PDB file of N, CA and C in Angstrom:
ATOM      1  N   MET A   1      -1.449  16.549 -17.180  1.00  0.00           N
ATOM      2  CA  MET A   1      -0.829  17.562 -16.338  1.00  0.00           C
ATOM      3  C   MET A   1      -1.402  17.384 -14.751  1.00  0.00           C
ATOM      4  N   GLN A   2      -2.673  17.421 -14.587  1.00  0.00           N
ATOM      5  CA  GLN A   2      -3.280  17.273 -13.220  1.00  0.00           C
ATOM      6  C   GLN A   2      -2.642  16.119 -12.408  1.00  0.00           C
ATOM      7  N   ARG A   3      -2.530  14.851 -13.223  1.00  0.00           N
ATOM      8  CA  ARG A   3      -2.134  13.660 -12.613  1.00  0.00           C
ATOM      9  C   ARG A   3      -0.690  13.746 -12.086  1.00  0.00           C
ATOM     10  N   VAL A   4       0.123  14.509 -12.836  1.00  0.00           N
ATOM     11  CA  VAL A   4       1.541  14.750 -12.429  1.00  0.00           C
ATOM     12  C   VAL A   4       1.601  15.681 -11.196  1.00  0.00           C
ATOM     13  N   VAL A   5       0.797  16.598 -11.253  1.00  0.00           N
ATOM     14  CA  VAL A   5       0.737  17.500 -10.040  1.00  0.00           C
ATOM     15  C   VAL A   5       0.374  16.738  -8.755  1.00  0.00           C
ATOM     16  N   LEU A   6      -0.816  16.020  -8.821  1.00  0.00           N
ATOM     17  CA  LEU A   6      -1.345  15.237  -7.748  1.00  0.00           C
ATOM     18  C   LEU A   6      -0.121  14.171  -7.280  1.00  0.00           C
ATOM     19  N   THR A   7       0.494  13.386  -8.258  1.00  0.00           N
ATOM     20  CA  THR A   7       1.512  12.561  -7.753  1.00  0.00           C
ATOM     21  C   THR A   7       2.674  13.130  -7.124  1.00  0.00           C
ATOM     22  N   ASN A   8       3.117  14.309  -7.679  1.00  0.00           N
ATOM     23  CA  ASN A   8       4.247  14.938  -6.924  1.00  0.00           C
ATOM     24  C   ASN A   8       3.854  15.618  -5.648  1.00  0.00           C
ATOM     25  N   ALA A   9       2.596  15.996  -5.280  1.00  0.00           N
ATOM     26  CA  ALA A   9       2.097  16.525  -4.153  1.00  0.00           C
ATOM     27  C   ALA A   9       1.959  15.298  -3.156  1.00  0.00           C
ATOM     28  N   THR A  10       1.522  14.311  -3.651  1.00  0.00           N
ATOM     29  CA  THR A  10       1.444  13.053  -2.640  1.00  0.00           C
ATOM     30  C   THR A  10       2.889  12.596  -2.241  1.00  0.00           C
ATOM     31  N   GLY A  11       3.687  12.477  -3.231  1.00  0.00           N
ATOM     32  CA  GLY A  11       4.998  12.037  -2.908  1.00  0.00           C
ATOM     33  C   GLY A  11       5.627  12.911  -1.814  1.00  0.00           C
ATOM     34  N   ALA A  12       5.543  14.257  -1.981  1.00  0.00           N
ATOM     35  CA  ALA A  12       6.051  15.114  -1.032  1.00  0.00           C
ATOM     36  C   ALA A  12       5.517  14.868   0.337  1.00  0.00           C
ATOM     37  N   LEU A  13       4.256  14.618   0.517  1.00  0.00           N
ATOM     38  CA  LEU A  13       3.711  14.173   1.853  1.00  0.00           C
ATOM     39  C   LEU A  13       4.008  12.930   2.472  1.00  0.00           C
ATOM     40  N   LEU A  14       4.632  12.125   1.752  1.00  0.00           N
ATOM     41  CA  LEU A  14       4.940  10.687   2.250  1.00  0.00           C
ATOM     42  C   LEU A  14       5.753  10.739   3.715  1.00  0.00           C
ATOM     43  N   PRO A  15       6.828  11.593   3.799  1.00  0.00           N
ATOM     44  CA  PRO A  15       7.454  11.687   4.989  1.00  0.00           C
ATOM     45  C   PRO A  15       6.525  12.053   6.284  1.00  0.00           C
ATOM     46  N   LEU A  16       5.371  12.526   5.976  1.00  0.00           N
ATOM     47  CA  LEU A  16       4.581  12.938   7.148  1.00  0.00           C
ATOM     48  C   LEU A  16       3.583  11.834   7.591  1.00  0.00           C
ATOM     49  N   VAL A  17       3.874  10.663   6.927  1.00  0.00           N
ATOM     50  CA  VAL A  17       3.008   9.447   7.201  1.00  0.00           C
ATOM     51  C   VAL A  17       3.712   8.685   8.484  1.00  0.00           C
ATOM     52  N   ARG A  18       3.062   8.690   9.688  1.00  0.00           N
ATOM     53  CA  ARG A  18       3.710   7.974  10.729  1.00  0.00           C
ATOM     54  C   ARG A  18       2.917   6.904  11.241  1.00  0.00           C
ATOM     55  N   GLN A  19       1.766   6.715  10.851  1.00  0.00           N
ATOM     56  CA  GLN A  19       0.806   5.505  11.228  1.00  0.00           C
ATOM     57  C   GLN A  19       1.329   4.234  10.714  1.00  0.00           C
ATOM     58  N   ARG A  20       0.756   3.149  11.224  1.00  0.00           N
ATOM     59  CA  ARG A  20       1.101   2.071  10.799  1.00  0.00           C
ATOM     60  C   ARG A  20       0.794   1.809   9.306  1.00  0.00           C
ATOM     61  N   LEU A  21       1.392   1.087   8.468  1.00  0.00           N
ATOM     62  CA  LEU A  21       1.046   1.058   7.085  1.00  0.00           C
ATOM     63  C   LEU A  21       1.075  -0.357   6.427  1.00  0.00           C
ATOM     64  N   LEU A  22       0.038  -0.711   5.837  1.00  0.00           N
ATOM     65  CA  LEU A  22      -0.053  -1.946   4.941  1.00  0.00           C
ATOM     66  C   LEU A  22      -0.165  -1.651   3.644  1.00  0.00           C
ATOM     67  N   ILE A  23       0.938  -2.049   2.777  1.00  0.00           N
ATOM     68  CA  ILE A  23       0.878  -1.823   1.432  1.00  0.00           C
ATOM     69  C   ILE A  23       0.890  -3.106   0.709  1.00  0.00           C
ATOM     70  N   MET A  24      -0.103  -3.139  -0.178  1.00  0.00           N
ATOM     71  CA  MET A  24      -0.222  -4.547  -0.961  1.00  0.00           C
ATOM     72  C   MET A  24      -0.123  -4.032  -2.446  1.00  0.00           C
ATOM     73  N   GLN A  25       0.702  -4.807  -3.122  1.00  0.00           N
ATOM     74  CA  GLN A  25       0.957  -4.414  -4.581  1.00  0.00           C
ATOM     75  C   GLN A  25       1.317  -5.837  -5.395  1.00  0.00           C
ATOM     76  N   SER A  26       0.663  -5.874  -6.577  1.00  0.00           N
ATOM     77  CA  SER A  26       0.761  -6.890  -7.438  1.00  0.00           C
ATOM     78  C   SER A  26       1.894  -6.865  -8.193  1.00  0.00           C
ATOM     79  N   ARG A  27       2.603  -7.845  -8.337  1.00  0.00           N
ATOM     80  CA  ARG A  27       3.922  -7.796  -9.068  1.00  0.00           C
ATOM     81  C   ARG A  27       3.616  -7.808 -10.589  1.00  0.00           C
ATOM     82  N   THR A  28       2.511  -7.997 -10.926  1.00  0.00           N
ATOM     83  CA  THR A  28       2.123  -8.110 -12.323  1.00  0.00           C
ATOM     84  C   THR A  28       1.058  -7.043 -12.685  1.00  0.00           C
ATOM     85  N   ASP A  29       0.916  -5.957 -11.998  1.00  0.00           N
ATOM     86  CA  ASP A  29       0.056  -4.946 -12.201  1.00  0.00           C
ATOM     87  C   ASP A  29       0.393  -4.075 -13.403  1.00  0.00           C
ATOM     88  N   HIS A  30      -0.605  -3.997 -14.432  1.00  0.00           N
ATOM     89  CA  HIS A  30      -0.244  -3.339 -15.639  1.00  0.00           C
ATOM     90  C   HIS A  30      -0.539  -1.825 -15.638  1.00  0.00           C
ATOM     91  N   VAL A  31      -1.065  -1.327 -14.429  1.00  0.00           N
ATOM     92  CA  VAL A  31      -1.377   0.085 -14.288  1.00  0.00           C
ATOM     93  C   VAL A  31      -0.352   0.813 -13.505  1.00  0.00           C
ATOM     94  N   VAL A  32      -0.199   0.289 -12.236  1.00  0.00           N
ATOM     95  CA  VAL A  32       0.991   0.843 -11.424  1.00  0.00           C
ATOM     96  C   VAL A  32       2.144  -0.051 -11.318  1.00  0.00           C
ATOM     97  N   ALA A  33       3.235   0.481 -11.446  1.00  0.00           N
ATOM     98  CA  ALA A  33       4.643  -0.150 -11.324  1.00  0.00           C
ATOM     99  C   ALA A  33       4.899  -0.793 -10.033  1.00  0.00           C
ATOM    100  N   PRO A  34       5.433  -2.075  -9.969  1.00  0.00           N
ATOM    101  CA  PRO A  34       5.443  -2.642  -8.631  1.00  0.00           C
ATOM    102  C   PRO A  34       6.602  -1.802  -7.852  1.00  0.00           C
ATOM    103  N   GLU A  35       7.494  -1.043  -8.545  1.00  0.00           N
ATOM    104  CA  GLU A  35       8.442  -0.241  -7.937  1.00  0.00           C
ATOM    105  C   GLU A  35       7.723   0.730  -6.834  1.00  0.00           C
ATOM    106  N   ASN A  36       6.504   1.128  -7.201  1.00  0.00           N
ATOM    107  CA  ASN A  36       5.826   2.198  -6.509  1.00  0.00           C
ATOM    108  C   ASN A  36       5.666   1.758  -4.971  1.00  0.00           C
ATOM    109  N   ALA A  37       5.376   0.386  -4.780  1.00  0.00           N
ATOM    110  CA  ALA A  37       5.240  -0.057  -3.371  1.00  0.00           C
ATOM    111  C   ALA A  37       6.506   0.348  -2.522  1.00  0.00           C
ATOM    112  N   ARG A  38       7.704  -0.159  -2.984  1.00  0.00           N
ATOM    113  CA  ARG A  38       8.955  -0.012  -2.392  1.00  0.00           C
ATOM    114  C   ARG A  38       9.205   1.517  -2.265  1.00  0.00           C
ATOM    115  N   HIS A  39       8.928   2.362  -3.314  1.00  0.00           N
ATOM    116  CA  HIS A  39       9.146   3.768  -3.159  1.00  0.00           C
ATOM    117  C   HIS A  39       8.359   4.293  -1.925  1.00  0.00           C
ATOM    118  N   ILE A  40       6.966   3.969  -1.832  1.00  0.00           N
ATOM    119  CA  ILE A  40       6.284   4.456  -0.701  1.00  0.00           C
ATOM    120  C   ILE A  40       6.811   3.903   0.635  1.00  0.00           C
ATOM    121  N   ALA A  41       7.114   2.739   0.674  1.00  0.00           N
ATOM    122  CA  ALA A  41       7.777   2.098   1.887  1.00  0.00           C
ATOM    123  C   ALA A  41       9.016   2.777   2.407  1.00  0.00           C
ATOM    124  N   THR A  42       9.829   3.250   1.594  1.00  0.00           N
ATOM    125  CA  THR A  42      11.079   3.702   1.781  1.00  0.00           C
ATOM    126  C   THR A  42      10.953   5.205   2.206  1.00  0.00           C
ATOM    127  N   ARG A  43       9.805   5.838   1.785  1.00  0.00           N
ATOM    128  CA  ARG A  43       9.949   7.399   2.099  1.00  0.00           C
ATOM    129  C   ARG A  43       8.825   7.815   3.174  1.00  0.00           C
ATOM    130  N   VAL A  44       8.067   6.734   3.708  1.00  0.00           N
ATOM    131  CA  VAL A  44       7.247   7.228   4.800  1.00  0.00           C
ATOM    132  C   VAL A  44       8.039   7.105   6.178  1.00  0.00           C
ATOM    133  N   ALA A  45       7.595   7.819   7.149  1.00  0.00           N
ATOM    134  CA  ALA A  45       8.100   7.929   8.447  1.00  0.00           C
ATOM    135  C   ALA A  45       7.714   6.903   9.516  1.00  0.00           C
ATOM    136  N   SER A  46       6.734   5.916   9.098  1.00  0.00           N
ATOM    137  CA  SER A  46       6.126   4.944   9.957  1.00  0.00           C
ATOM    138  C   SER A  46       7.243   3.936  10.382  1.00  0.00           C
ATOM    139  N   ASP A  47       7.095   3.463  11.717  1.00  0.00           N
ATOM    140  CA  ASP A  47       8.119   2.431  12.168  1.00  0.00           C
ATOM    141  C   ASP A  47       7.486   1.133  11.969  1.00  0.00           C
ATOM    142  N   ASP A  48       6.251   1.051  11.431  1.00  0.00           N
ATOM    143  CA  ASP A  48       5.663  -0.455  11.196  1.00  0.00           C
ATOM    144  C   ASP A  48       4.917  -0.261   9.729  1.00  0.00           C
ATOM    145  N   ILE A  49       5.742  -0.893   8.892  1.00  0.00           N
ATOM    146  CA  ILE A  49       5.468  -0.882   7.471  1.00  0.00           C
ATOM    147  C   ILE A  49       5.290  -2.421   7.205  1.00  0.00           C
ATOM    148  N   ARG A  50       4.294  -2.762   6.576  1.00  0.00           N
ATOM    149  CA  ARG A  50       4.002  -4.183   6.077  1.00  0.00           C
ATOM    150  C   ARG A  50       3.819  -4.200   4.597  1.00  0.00           C
ATOM    151  N   LEU A  51       4.731  -4.764   3.949  1.00  0.00           N
ATOM    152  CA  LEU A  51       4.537  -4.758   2.338  1.00  0.00           C
ATOM    153  C   LEU A  51       4.225  -6.174   2.035  1.00  0.00           C
ATOM    154  N   VAL A  52       3.164  -6.389   1.358  1.00  0.00           N
ATOM    155  CA  VAL A  52       2.711  -7.726   0.894  1.00  0.00           C
ATOM    156  C   VAL A  52       2.682  -7.664  -0.676  1.00  0.00           C
ATOM    157  N   TRP A  53       3.370  -8.616  -1.159  1.00  0.00           N
ATOM    158  CA  TRP A  53       3.402  -8.832  -2.692  1.00  0.00           C
ATOM    159  C   TRP A  53       2.306  -9.717  -3.057  1.00  0.00           C
ATOM    160  N   LEU A  54       1.373  -9.341  -3.866  1.00  0.00           N
ATOM    161  CA  LEU A  54       0.472 -10.194  -4.386  1.00  0.00           C
ATOM    162  C   LEU A  54       0.809 -10.816  -5.716  1.00  0.00           C
ATOM    163  N   ARG A  55       0.728 -12.347  -5.811  1.00  0.00           N
ATOM    164  CA  ARG A  55       1.316 -12.967  -6.963  1.00  0.00           C
ATOM    165  C   ARG A  55       0.312 -13.438  -8.220  1.00  0.00           C
ATOM    166  N   ARG A  56      -1.071 -13.204  -7.697  1.00  0.00           N
ATOM    167  CA  ARG A  56      -1.991 -13.891  -8.643  1.00  0.00           C
ATOM    168  C   ARG A  56      -3.146 -12.871  -9.068  1.00  0.00           C
ATOM    169  N   SER A  57      -2.691 -11.558  -8.971  1.00  0.00           N
ATOM    170  CA  SER A  57      -3.760 -10.673  -9.403  1.00  0.00           C
ATOM    171  C   SER A  57      -3.077  -9.534 -10.094  1.00  0.00           C
ATOM    172  N   TRP A  58      -4.115  -8.757 -10.827  1.00  0.00           N
ATOM    173  CA  TRP A  58      -3.677  -7.649 -11.778  1.00  0.00           C
ATOM    174  C   TRP A  58      -4.052  -6.390 -11.000  1.00  0.00           C
ATOM    175  N   HIS A  59      -4.328  -5.364 -11.665  1.00  0.00           N
ATOM    176  CA  HIS A  59      -4.587  -4.025 -11.013  1.00  0.00           C
ATOM    177  C   HIS A  59      -5.649  -3.965  -9.880  1.00  0.00           C
ATOM    178  N   VAL A  60      -6.745  -4.440 -10.194  1.00  0.00           N
ATOM    179  CA  VAL A  60      -7.982  -4.599  -9.160  1.00  0.00           C
ATOM    180  C   VAL A  60      -7.884  -5.793  -8.392  1.00  0.00           C
ATOM    181  N   ALA A  61      -6.815  -5.810  -7.632  1.00  0.00           N
ATOM    182  CA  ALA A  61      -6.619  -7.156  -6.893  1.00  0.00           C
ATOM    183  C   ALA A  61      -7.755  -7.598  -5.957  1.00  0.00           C
ATOM    184  N   THR A  62      -8.380  -6.615  -5.408  1.00  0.00           N
ATOM    185  CA  THR A  62      -9.611  -7.070  -4.483  1.00  0.00           C
ATOM    186  C   THR A  62     -10.707  -7.911  -5.239  1.00  0.00           C
ATOM    187  N   LEU A  63     -10.601  -7.792  -6.561  1.00  0.00           N
ATOM    188  CA  LEU A  63     -11.641  -8.657  -7.452  1.00  0.00           C
ATOM    189  C   LEU A  63     -11.034  -9.659  -8.059  1.00  0.00           C
ATOM    190  N   ASP A  64      -9.790 -10.024  -7.892  1.00  0.00           N
ATOM    191  CA  ASP A  64      -9.076 -11.029  -8.540  1.00  0.00           C
ATOM    192  C   ASP A  64      -8.643 -12.216  -7.786  1.00  0.00           C
ATOM    193  N   HIS A  65      -7.673 -12.951  -8.014  1.00  0.00           N
ATOM    194  CA  HIS A  65      -7.399 -14.191  -7.353  1.00  0.00           C
ATOM    195  C   HIS A  65      -6.832 -14.171  -5.871  1.00  0.00           C
ATOM    196  N   ASP A  66      -6.231 -12.934  -5.715  1.00  0.00           N
ATOM    197  CA  ASP A  66      -5.854 -12.739  -4.193  1.00  0.00           C
ATOM    198  C   ASP A  66      -6.753 -12.119  -3.355  1.00  0.00           C
ATOM    199  N   ALA A  67      -8.086 -11.959  -3.686  1.00  0.00           N
ATOM    200  CA  ALA A  67      -9.008 -11.208  -2.812  1.00  0.00           C
ATOM    201  C   ALA A  67      -9.169 -11.792  -1.526  1.00  0.00           C
ATOM    202  N   ASP A  68      -9.149 -13.180  -1.250  1.00  0.00           N
ATOM    203  CA  ASP A  68      -9.181 -13.733   0.062  1.00  0.00           C
ATOM    204  C   ASP A  68      -7.924 -13.481   0.853  1.00  0.00           C
ATOM    205  N   ARG A  69      -6.791 -13.445   0.149  1.00  0.00           N
ATOM    206  CA  ARG A  69      -5.437 -13.103   0.714  1.00  0.00           C
ATOM    207  C   ARG A  69      -5.484 -11.835   1.298  1.00  0.00           C
ATOM    208  N   ILE A  70      -5.915 -10.878   0.575  1.00  0.00           N
ATOM    209  CA  ILE A  70      -6.143  -9.388   0.926  1.00  0.00           C
ATOM    210  C   ILE A  70      -6.884  -9.239   1.933  1.00  0.00           C
ATOM    211  N   ALA A  71      -8.083  -9.863   1.971  1.00  0.00           N
ATOM    212  CA  ALA A  71      -8.916  -9.747   3.126  1.00  0.00           C
ATOM    213  C   ALA A  71      -8.331 -10.259   4.464  1.00  0.00           C
ATOM    214  N   ALA A  72      -7.745 -11.380   4.389  1.00  0.00           N
ATOM    215  CA  ALA A  72      -6.963 -12.019   5.511  1.00  0.00           C
ATOM    216  C   ALA A  72      -5.905 -11.094   6.094  1.00  0.00           C
ATOM    217  N   HIS A  73      -5.126 -10.432   5.208  1.00  0.00           N
ATOM    218  CA  HIS A  73      -4.126  -9.561   5.691  1.00  0.00           C
ATOM    219  C   HIS A  73      -4.652  -8.211   6.251  1.00  0.00           C
ATOM    220  N   VAL A  74      -5.800  -7.739   5.695  1.00  0.00           N
ATOM    221  CA  VAL A  74      -6.432  -6.400   6.227  1.00  0.00           C
ATOM    222  C   VAL A  74      -6.873  -6.742   7.649  1.00  0.00           C
ATOM    223  N   ALA A  75      -7.609  -7.906   7.581  1.00  0.00           N
ATOM    224  CA  ALA A  75      -8.304  -8.357   9.144  1.00  0.00           C
ATOM    225  C   ALA A  75      -7.102  -8.461  10.039  1.00  0.00           C
ATOM    226  N   ALA A  76      -6.016  -9.093   9.838  1.00  0.00           N
ATOM    227  CA  ALA A  76      -4.900  -9.290  10.712  1.00  0.00           C
ATOM    228  C   ALA A  76      -4.377  -7.897  11.152  1.00  0.00           C
ATOM    229  N   PHE A  77      -4.141  -7.078  10.146  1.00  0.00           N
ATOM    230  CA  PHE A  77      -3.498  -5.821  10.267  1.00  0.00           C
ATOM    231  C   PHE A  77      -4.393  -4.896  11.176  1.00  0.00           C
ATOM    232  N   VAL A  78      -5.747  -5.003  10.945  1.00  0.00           N
ATOM    233  CA  VAL A  78      -6.646  -4.081  11.854  1.00  0.00           C
ATOM    234  C   VAL A  78      -6.705  -4.596  13.150  1.00  0.00           C
ATOM    235  N   SER A  79      -6.676  -6.013  13.195  1.00  0.00           N
ATOM    236  CA  SER A  79      -6.930  -6.634  14.551  1.00  0.00           C
ATOM    237  C   SER A  79      -5.539  -6.415  15.510  1.00  0.00           C
ATOM    238  N   GLU A  80      -4.397  -6.247  14.811  1.00  0.00           N
ATOM    239  CA  GLU A  80      -3.138  -5.883  15.657  1.00  0.00           C
ATOM    240  C   GLU A  80      -3.139  -4.438  16.051  1.00  0.00           C
ATOM    241  N   SER A  81      -4.064  -3.423  15.696  1.00  0.00           N
ATOM    242  CA  SER A  81      -4.021  -2.164  15.957  1.00  0.00           C
ATOM    243  C   SER A  81      -3.782  -1.901  17.371  1.00  0.00           C
ATOM    244  N   ARG A  82      -2.718  -1.034  17.800  1.00  0.00           N
ATOM    245  CA  ARG A  82      -2.549  -0.752  19.205  1.00  0.00           C
ATOM    246  C   ARG A  82      -2.944   0.552  19.603  1.00  0.00           C
ATOM    247  N   THR A  83      -3.246   1.471  18.756  1.00  0.00           N
ATOM    248  CA  THR A  83      -3.747   2.872  19.149  1.00  0.00           C
ATOM    249  C   THR A  83      -4.838   3.146  18.206  1.00  0.00           C
ATOM    250  N   PRO A  84      -5.652   3.913  18.879  1.00  0.00           N
ATOM    251  CA  PRO A  84      -6.962   4.386  17.864  1.00  0.00           C
ATOM    252  C   PRO A  84      -6.504   5.414  16.956  1.00  0.00           C
ATOM    253  N   VAL A  85      -7.172   5.427  15.871  1.00  0.00           N
ATOM    254  CA  VAL A  85      -6.844   6.330  14.739  1.00  0.00           C
ATOM    255  C   VAL A  85      -7.471   7.801  15.279  1.00  0.00           C
ATOM    256  N   ARG A  86      -6.695   8.827  14.939  1.00  0.00           N
ATOM    257  CA  ARG A  86      -7.194  10.310  15.383  1.00  0.00           C
ATOM    258  C   ARG A  86      -7.434  11.077  14.278  1.00  0.00           C
TER     259      ARG A  86
END
């Protein structure tokens, strides 16, 4: 029950997200459905949304085959930052 409440509350807050957003999702994640990445991307208010599909990892992608790719995308995303986080 708590998981459903948290999921609903988080979903309701998505339109308030206006910061740049980097979403990485495995297409073969056995815990989180890949549709969730698109769901988030279409509901936030950000003008800069990057959606990266991971092809070679499962749920804990940072410890899987795409770890180097994830690190490179995060480094590039952070280095492109134009405004400081408040």
